[in-house]
């Protein structure tokens, strides 16, 4: 009994660490788009510098999971949870990398005049951050149904990305001088589209924890 009590205590601590890491990454994603929108180079540089903190948190969570396996003899469902945690932390860390990528695009653009007001790209960031936050709530609550519904919202981000892509193609077609600036905005939008895909991967791991089945979520059903 004492072994199981200690195991669940340590598992809760790891889950708390995941929530903190997810919150940091979600804020980094929103801030990266704010840096792009406002040409805030200082904020962009800070996001790049802070990425090491996110990486360190991932490594710490993984080390704690390994220690938990080695010392607490987890049962099958517990081991499933720990395996899923490894994957979830990797996905969160990759979302952080996408935020860094957007910040670097801001730095690349520098003080160039904006091509257009940013409307849909911030919407993509807000939607993705919201999905990330709710997916981690679903993880804590072992809520597979919520995870499936959140995953389906990836379609909204995809639609926004398609809209951004088409709009920027028009700019490039009408004026070749806009190609470089438009391409950089497409890169930023693509990073957000990929970040939302990572949230979908998190949702699939939540379903795996609950059901024991590793499967791709069919968004068309939700």
C-alpha atoms as a PDB file:
ATOM      1  CA  UNK A   1       0.000   0.000   0.000  1.00  0.00           C
ATOM      2  CA  UNK A   2       2.801   2.400   0.870  1.00  0.00           C
ATOM      3  CA  UNK A   3       4.453   1.723  -2.494  1.00  0.00           C
ATOM      4  CA  UNK A   4       1.244   2.564  -4.381  1.00  0.00           C
ATOM      5  CA  UNK A   5       0.697   5.720  -2.303  1.00  0.00           C
ATOM      6  CA  UNK A   6       4.235   6.900  -3.041  1.00  0.00           C
ATOM      7  CA  UNK A   7       3.829   6.086  -6.736  1.00  0.00           C
ATOM      8  CA  UNK A   8       0.661   8.153  -7.101  1.00  0.00           C
ATOM      9  CA  UNK A   9       2.209  11.034  -5.158  1.00  0.00           C
ATOM     10  CA  UNK A  10       5.168  11.143  -7.527  1.00  0.00           C
ATOM     11  CA  UNK A  11       2.909  10.757 -10.554  1.00  0.00           C
ATOM     12  CA  UNK A  12       0.840  13.758  -9.420  1.00  0.00           C
ATOM     13  CA  UNK A  13       4.047  15.765  -9.079  1.00  0.00           C
ATOM     14  CA  UNK A  14       5.039  14.862 -12.637  1.00  0.00           C
ATOM     15  CA  UNK A  15       1.586  15.830 -13.899  1.00  0.00           C
ATOM     16  CA  UNK A  16       1.887  19.185 -12.133  1.00  0.00           C
ATOM     17  CA  UNK A  17       5.210  19.717 -13.901  1.00  0.00           C
ATOM     18  CA  UNK A  18       3.529  18.996 -17.231  1.00  0.00           C
ATOM     19  CA  UNK A  19       0.864  21.620 -16.521  1.00  0.00           C
ATOM     20  CA  UNK A  20       3.526  24.207 -15.712  1.00  0.00           C
ATOM     21  CA  UNK A  21       5.459  23.345 -18.866  1.00  0.00           C
ATOM     22  CA  UNK A  22       2.281  23.530 -20.950  1.00  0.00           C
ATOM     23  CA  UNK A  23       1.414  26.942 -19.517  1.00  0.00           C
ATOM     24  CA  UNK A  24       4.892  28.275 -20.320  1.00  0.00           C
ATOM     25  CA  UNK A  25       4.721  26.949 -23.873  1.00  0.00           C
ATOM     26  CA  UNK A  26       1.195  28.275 -24.444  1.00  0.00           C
ATOM     27  CA  UNK A  27       2.289  31.752 -23.380  1.00  0.00           C
ATOM     28  CA  UNK A  28       5.392  31.509 -25.562  1.00  0.00           C
ATOM     29  CA  UNK A  29       3.191  30.702 -28.558  1.00  0.00           C
ATOM     30  CA  UNK A  30       0.940  33.710 -27.975  1.00  0.00           C
ATOM     31  CA  UNK A  31       3.917  35.968 -27.266  1.00  0.00           C
ATOM     32  CA  UNK A  32       5.682  34.863 -30.428  1.00  0.00           C
ATOM     33  CA  UNK A  33       2.735  36.022 -32.521  1.00  0.00           C
ATOM     34  CA  UNK A  34       2.501  39.246 -30.522  1.00  0.00           C
ATOM     35  CA  UNK A  35       6.179  39.854 -31.253  1.00  0.00           C
ATOM     36  CA  UNK A  36       5.452  39.317 -34.949  1.00  0.00           C
ATOM     37  CA  UNK A  37       2.371  41.507 -34.939  1.00  0.00           C
ATOM     38  CA  UNK A  38       3.997  44.367 -33.020  1.00  0.00           C
ATOM     39  CA  UNK A  39       7.543  44.005 -34.412  1.00  0.00           C
ATOM     40  CA  UNK A  40       8.695  43.528 -30.819  1.00  0.00           C
ATOM     41  CA  UNK A  41      12.270  42.353 -31.278  1.00  0.00           C
ATOM     42  CA  UNK A  42      13.034  42.409 -27.564  1.00  0.00           C
ATOM     43  CA  UNK A  43      10.156  40.011 -26.871  1.00  0.00           C
ATOM     44  CA  UNK A  44      11.236  37.807 -29.788  1.00  0.00           C
ATOM     45  CA  UNK A  45      14.780  37.520 -28.435  1.00  0.00           C
ATOM     46  CA  UNK A  46      13.397  36.656 -24.983  1.00  0.00           C
ATOM     47  CA  UNK A  47      11.288  33.813 -26.421  1.00  0.00           C
ATOM     48  CA  UNK A  48      14.356  32.362 -28.143  1.00  0.00           C
ATOM     49  CA  UNK A  49      16.436  32.622 -24.962  1.00  0.00           C
ATOM     50  CA  UNK A  50      13.724  31.074 -22.788  1.00  0.00           C
ATOM     51  CA  UNK A  51      13.497  27.971 -24.960  1.00  0.00           C
ATOM     52  CA  UNK A  52      16.285  26.329 -22.966  1.00  0.00           C
ATOM     53  CA  UNK A  53      14.052  26.470 -19.888  1.00  0.00           C
ATOM     54  CA  UNK A  54      11.366  24.539 -21.762  1.00  0.00           C
ATOM     55  CA  UNK A  55      13.898  21.953 -22.908  1.00  0.00           C
ATOM     56  CA  UNK A  56      15.217  21.548 -19.375  1.00  0.00           C
ATOM     57  CA  UNK A  57      11.708  20.980 -18.050  1.00  0.00           C
ATOM     58  CA  UNK A  58      11.143  18.251 -20.619  1.00  0.00           C
ATOM     59  CA  UNK A  59      14.368  16.501 -19.617  1.00  0.00           C
ATOM     60  CA  UNK A  60      13.471  16.758 -15.921  1.00  0.00           C
ATOM     61  CA  UNK A  61      10.037  15.215 -16.486  1.00  0.00           C
ATOM     62  CA  UNK A  62      11.581  12.384 -18.471  1.00  0.00           C
ATOM     63  CA  UNK A  63      14.188  11.750 -15.774  1.00  0.00           C
ATOM     64  CA  UNK A  64      11.447  11.661 -13.139  1.00  0.00           C
ATOM     65  CA  UNK A  65       9.469   9.173 -15.230  1.00  0.00           C
ATOM     66  CA  UNK A  66      12.489   6.907 -15.591  1.00  0.00           C
ATOM     67  CA  UNK A  67      13.083   7.059 -11.841  1.00  0.00           C
ATOM     68  CA  UNK A  68       9.427   6.233 -11.238  1.00  0.00           C
ATOM     69  CA  UNK A  69       9.646   3.142 -13.430  1.00  0.00           C
ATOM     70  CA  UNK A  70      12.860   2.026 -11.777  1.00  0.00           C
ATOM     71  CA  UNK A  71      11.780   2.486  -8.168  1.00  0.00           C
ATOM     72  CA  UNK A  72       7.999   2.075  -7.986  1.00  0.00           C
ATOM     73  CA  UNK A  73       7.249  -0.990 -10.113  1.00  0.00           C
ATOM     74  CA  UNK A  74       4.261   0.469 -11.997  1.00  0.00           C
ATOM     75  CA  UNK A  75       1.400  -1.795 -13.028  1.00  0.00           C
ATOM     76  CA  UNK A  76       0.249  -2.047 -16.639  1.00  0.00           C
ATOM     77  CA  UNK A  77      -2.105   0.953 -16.652  1.00  0.00           C
ATOM     78  CA  UNK A  78       0.434   3.040 -14.729  1.00  0.00           C
ATOM     79  CA  UNK A  79       3.168   2.141 -17.187  1.00  0.00           C
ATOM     80  CA  UNK A  80       0.827   3.152 -20.008  1.00  0.00           C
ATOM     81  CA  UNK A  81       0.415   6.538 -18.377  1.00  0.00           C
ATOM     82  CA  UNK A  82       4.156   7.010 -18.002  1.00  0.00           C
ATOM     83  CA  UNK A  83       4.794   6.056 -21.634  1.00  0.00           C
ATOM     84  CA  UNK A  84       2.133   8.566 -22.713  1.00  0.00           C
ATOM     85  CA  UNK A  85       3.748  11.248 -20.543  1.00  0.00           C
ATOM     86  CA  UNK A  86       7.025  10.795 -22.415  1.00  0.00           C
ATOM     87  CA  UNK A  87       5.184  11.492 -25.664  1.00  0.00           C
ATOM     88  CA  UNK A  88       3.096  14.363 -24.312  1.00  0.00           C
ATOM     89  CA  UNK A  89       6.134  16.232 -22.988  1.00  0.00           C
ATOM     90  CA  UNK A  90       7.849  15.781 -26.345  1.00  0.00           C
ATOM     91  CA  UNK A  91       4.840  17.257 -28.142  1.00  0.00           C
ATOM     92  CA  UNK A  92       4.713  20.223 -25.749  1.00  0.00           C
ATOM     93  CA  UNK A  93       8.420  20.845 -26.246  1.00  0.00           C
ATOM     94  CA  UNK A  94       7.966  20.811 -30.021  1.00  0.00           C
ATOM     95  CA  UNK A  95       5.174  23.387 -29.751  1.00  0.00           C
ATOM     96  CA  UNK A  96       7.694  25.516 -27.882  1.00  0.00           C
ATOM     97  CA  UNK A  97      10.061  25.076 -30.820  1.00  0.00           C
ATOM     98  CA  UNK A  98       7.381  26.399 -33.168  1.00  0.00           C
ATOM     99  CA  UNK A  99       7.021  29.473 -30.949  1.00  0.00           C
ATOM    100  CA  UNK A 100      10.783  29.988 -31.189  1.00  0.00           C
ATOM    101  CA  UNK A 101      10.539  29.632 -34.953  1.00  0.00           C
ATOM    102  CA  UNK A 102       7.978  32.430 -35.125  1.00  0.00           C
ATOM    103  CA  UNK A 103      10.121  34.614 -32.857  1.00  0.00           C
ATOM    104  CA  UNK A 104      13.079  34.063 -35.179  1.00  0.00           C
ATOM    105  CA  UNK A 105      10.922  35.092 -38.127  1.00  0.00           C
ATOM    106  CA  UNK A 106      10.158  38.322 -36.245  1.00  0.00           C
ATOM    107  CA  UNK A 107      13.891  38.906 -35.775  1.00  0.00           C
ATOM    108  CA  UNK A 108      14.486  38.123 -39.464  1.00  0.00           C
ATOM    109  CA  UNK A 109      11.860  40.654 -40.528  1.00  0.00           C
ATOM    110  CA  UNK A 110      13.305  43.305 -38.228  1.00  0.00           C
ATOM    111  CA  UNK A 111      11.968  46.770 -38.948  1.00  0.00           C
ATOM    112  CA  UNK A 112      10.612  46.012 -42.412  1.00  0.00           C
ATOM    113  CA  UNK A 113       7.205  47.613 -43.007  1.00  0.00           C
ATOM    114  CA  UNK A 114       4.350  45.166 -42.378  1.00  0.00           C
ATOM    115  CA  UNK A 115       2.842  43.566 -45.461  1.00  0.00           C
ATOM    116  CA  UNK A 116      -0.651  43.623 -43.977  1.00  0.00           C
ATOM    117  CA  UNK A 117      -2.391  43.785 -40.601  1.00  0.00           C
ATOM    118  CA  UNK A 118      -2.246  40.371 -38.958  1.00  0.00           C
ATOM    119  CA  UNK A 119      -5.730  39.032 -38.222  1.00  0.00           C
ATOM    120  CA  UNK A 120      -5.933  35.314 -38.948  1.00  0.00           C
ATOM    121  CA  UNK A 121      -2.447  34.421 -37.684  1.00  0.00           C
ATOM    122  CA  UNK A 122      -3.260  35.712 -34.164  1.00  0.00           C
ATOM    123  CA  UNK A 123      -6.547  33.788 -34.351  1.00  0.00           C
ATOM    124  CA  UNK A 124      -4.592  30.637 -35.172  1.00  0.00           C
ATOM    125  CA  UNK A 125      -2.348  31.221 -32.160  1.00  0.00           C
ATOM    126  CA  UNK A 126      -5.278  31.822 -29.809  1.00  0.00           C
ATOM    127  CA  UNK A 127      -7.092  28.706 -31.023  1.00  0.00           C
ATOM    128  CA  UNK A 128      -3.987  26.534 -30.695  1.00  0.00           C
ATOM    129  CA  UNK A 129      -3.133  27.818 -27.220  1.00  0.00           C
ATOM    130  CA  UNK A 130      -6.711  27.197 -26.102  1.00  0.00           C
ATOM    131  CA  UNK A 131      -6.603  23.658 -27.489  1.00  0.00           C
ATOM    132  CA  UNK A 132      -3.306  22.994 -25.720  1.00  0.00           C
ATOM    133  CA  UNK A 133      -4.589  24.240 -22.378  1.00  0.00           C
ATOM    134  CA  UNK A 134      -7.794  22.209 -22.581  1.00  0.00           C
ATOM    135  CA  UNK A 135      -5.970  19.093 -23.779  1.00  0.00           C
ATOM    136  CA  UNK A 136      -3.839  19.165 -20.637  1.00  0.00           C
ATOM    137  CA  UNK A 137      -6.985  19.537 -18.533  1.00  0.00           C
ATOM    138  CA  UNK A 138      -8.318  16.443 -20.323  1.00  0.00           C
ATOM    139  CA  UNK A 139      -5.049  14.672 -19.539  1.00  0.00           C
ATOM    140  CA  UNK A 140      -5.323  15.426 -15.829  1.00  0.00           C
ATOM    141  CA  UNK A 141      -8.975  14.357 -15.792  1.00  0.00           C
ATOM    142  CA  UNK A 142      -8.388  11.306 -18.030  1.00  0.00           C
ATOM    143  CA  UNK A 143     -11.198  12.630 -20.236  1.00  0.00           C
ATOM    144  CA  UNK A 144     -10.935  10.795 -23.546  1.00  0.00           C
ATOM    145  CA  UNK A 145     -14.151  12.275 -24.954  1.00  0.00           C
ATOM    146  CA  UNK A 146     -12.947  15.844 -24.416  1.00  0.00           C
ATOM    147  CA  UNK A 147      -9.621  14.915 -25.978  1.00  0.00           C
ATOM    148  CA  UNK A 148     -11.394  13.685 -29.111  1.00  0.00           C
ATOM    149  CA  UNK A 149     -13.475  16.858 -29.337  1.00  0.00           C
ATOM    150  CA  UNK A 150     -10.415  19.075 -28.899  1.00  0.00           C
ATOM    151  CA  UNK A 151      -8.586  17.159 -31.603  1.00  0.00           C
ATOM    152  CA  UNK A 152     -11.431  17.863 -34.018  1.00  0.00           C
ATOM    153  CA  UNK A 153     -10.828  21.609 -33.560  1.00  0.00           C
ATOM    154  CA  UNK A 154      -7.586  21.205 -35.488  1.00  0.00           C
ATOM    155  CA  UNK A 155      -9.797  21.642 -38.551  1.00  0.00           C
ATOM    156  CA  UNK A 156     -10.420  25.260 -37.515  1.00  0.00           C
ATOM    157  CA  UNK A 157      -6.688  25.968 -37.460  1.00  0.00           C
ATOM    158  CA  UNK A 158      -6.263  24.240 -40.824  1.00  0.00           C
ATOM    159  CA  UNK A 159      -8.995  26.418 -42.324  1.00  0.00           C
ATOM    160  CA  UNK A 160      -7.363  29.583 -41.025  1.00  0.00           C
ATOM    161  CA  UNK A 161      -4.019  28.450 -42.409  1.00  0.00           C
ATOM    162  CA  UNK A 162      -5.540  27.829 -45.840  1.00  0.00           C
ATOM    163  CA  UNK A 163      -7.086  31.295 -45.721  1.00  0.00           C
ATOM    164  CA  UNK A 164      -3.771  32.932 -44.793  1.00  0.00           C
ATOM    165  CA  UNK A 165      -1.942  30.961 -47.471  1.00  0.00           C
ATOM    166  CA  UNK A 166      -4.387  31.929 -50.230  1.00  0.00           C
ATOM    167  CA  UNK A 167      -4.392  35.585 -49.220  1.00  0.00           C
ATOM    168  CA  UNK A 168      -0.604  35.799 -49.198  1.00  0.00           C
ATOM    169  CA  UNK A 169      -0.388  34.070 -52.575  1.00  0.00           C
ATOM    170  CA  UNK A 170      -2.524  36.871 -53.993  1.00  0.00           C
ATOM    171  CA  UNK A 171      -0.096  39.462 -52.600  1.00  0.00           C
ATOM    172  CA  UNK A 172       2.838  37.660 -54.225  1.00  0.00           C
ATOM    173  CA  UNK A 173       1.052  37.259 -57.556  1.00  0.00           C
ATOM    174  CA  UNK A 174       0.083  40.926 -57.717  1.00  0.00           C
ATOM    175  CA  UNK A 175       3.431  42.347 -56.613  1.00  0.00           C
ATOM    176  CA  UNK A 176       6.650  40.363 -56.793  1.00  0.00           C
ATOM    177  CA  UNK A 177       8.277  42.730 -54.303  1.00  0.00           C
ATOM    178  CA  UNK A 178       6.116  41.241 -51.547  1.00  0.00           C
ATOM    179  CA  UNK A 179       7.314  37.673 -52.042  1.00  0.00           C
ATOM    180  CA  UNK A 180       9.902  37.641 -49.253  1.00  0.00           C
ATOM    181  CA  UNK A 181       7.629  39.251 -46.674  1.00  0.00           C
ATOM    182  CA  UNK A 182       4.669  37.078 -47.646  1.00  0.00           C
ATOM    183  CA  UNK A 183       6.762  33.917 -47.512  1.00  0.00           C
ATOM    184  CA  UNK A 184       7.886  34.711 -43.971  1.00  0.00           C
ATOM    185  CA  UNK A 185       4.284  35.116 -42.846  1.00  0.00           C
ATOM    186  CA  UNK A 186       3.437  31.784 -44.481  1.00  0.00           C
ATOM    187  CA  UNK A 187       6.260  30.214 -42.442  1.00  0.00           C
ATOM    188  CA  UNK A 188       4.782  31.666 -39.259  1.00  0.00           C
ATOM    189  CA  UNK A 189       1.290  30.409 -40.112  1.00  0.00           C
ATOM    190  CA  UNK A 190       2.689  26.984 -40.948  1.00  0.00           C
ATOM    191  CA  UNK A 191       4.359  26.801 -37.537  1.00  0.00           C
ATOM    192  CA  UNK A 192       0.982  27.421 -35.900  1.00  0.00           C
ATOM    193  CA  UNK A 193      -0.696  24.811 -38.084  1.00  0.00           C
ATOM    194  CA  UNK A 194       1.930  22.280 -37.037  1.00  0.00           C
ATOM    195  CA  UNK A 195       1.586  23.286 -33.375  1.00  0.00           C
ATOM    196  CA  UNK A 196      -2.124  22.453 -33.533  1.00  0.00           C
ATOM    197  CA  UNK A 197      -1.220  19.085 -35.055  1.00  0.00           C
ATOM    198  CA  UNK A 198       0.963  18.467 -32.000  1.00  0.00           C
ATOM    199  CA  UNK A 199      -2.019  19.124 -29.755  1.00  0.00           C
ATOM    200  CA  UNK A 200      -3.901  16.459 -31.709  1.00  0.00           C
ATOM    201  CA  UNK A 201      -1.054  14.059 -30.937  1.00  0.00           C
ATOM    202  CA  UNK A 202      -1.430  14.884 -27.235  1.00  0.00           C
ATOM    203  CA  UNK A 203      -5.145  14.130 -27.470  1.00  0.00           C
ATOM    204  CA  UNK A 204      -4.414  10.749 -29.039  1.00  0.00           C
ATOM    205  CA  UNK A 205      -2.125   9.901 -26.124  1.00  0.00           C
ATOM    206  CA  UNK A 206      -4.882  10.806 -23.675  1.00  0.00           C
ATOM    207  CA  UNK A 207      -7.216   8.381 -25.421  1.00  0.00           C
ATOM    208  CA  UNK A 208      -4.443   5.774 -25.203  1.00  0.00           C
ATOM    209  CA  UNK A 209      -4.138   6.267 -21.436  1.00  0.00           C
ATOM    210  CA  UNK A 210      -7.874   5.792 -20.946  1.00  0.00           C
ATOM    211  CA  UNK A 211      -8.598   3.017 -23.450  1.00  0.00           C
ATOM    212  CA  UNK A 212      -5.251   1.314 -23.984  1.00  0.00           C
ATOM    213  CA  UNK A 213      -5.712   1.742 -27.753  1.00  0.00           C
ATOM    214  CA  UNK A 214      -3.249   3.736 -29.840  1.00  0.00           C
ATOM    215  CA  UNK A 215      -5.191   5.065 -32.798  1.00  0.00           C
ATOM    216  CA  UNK A 216      -5.518   8.142 -34.925  1.00  0.00           C
ATOM    217  CA  UNK A 217      -8.526  10.264 -33.996  1.00  0.00           C
ATOM    218  CA  UNK A 218     -10.924  10.661 -36.931  1.00  0.00           C
ATOM    219  CA  UNK A 219     -11.886  14.336 -36.633  1.00  0.00           C
ATOM    220  CA  UNK A 220     -14.785  13.907 -39.064  1.00  0.00           C
ATOM    221  CA  UNK A 221     -16.712  12.043 -36.356  1.00  0.00           C
ATOM    222  CA  UNK A 222     -16.625  14.933 -33.893  1.00  0.00           C
END
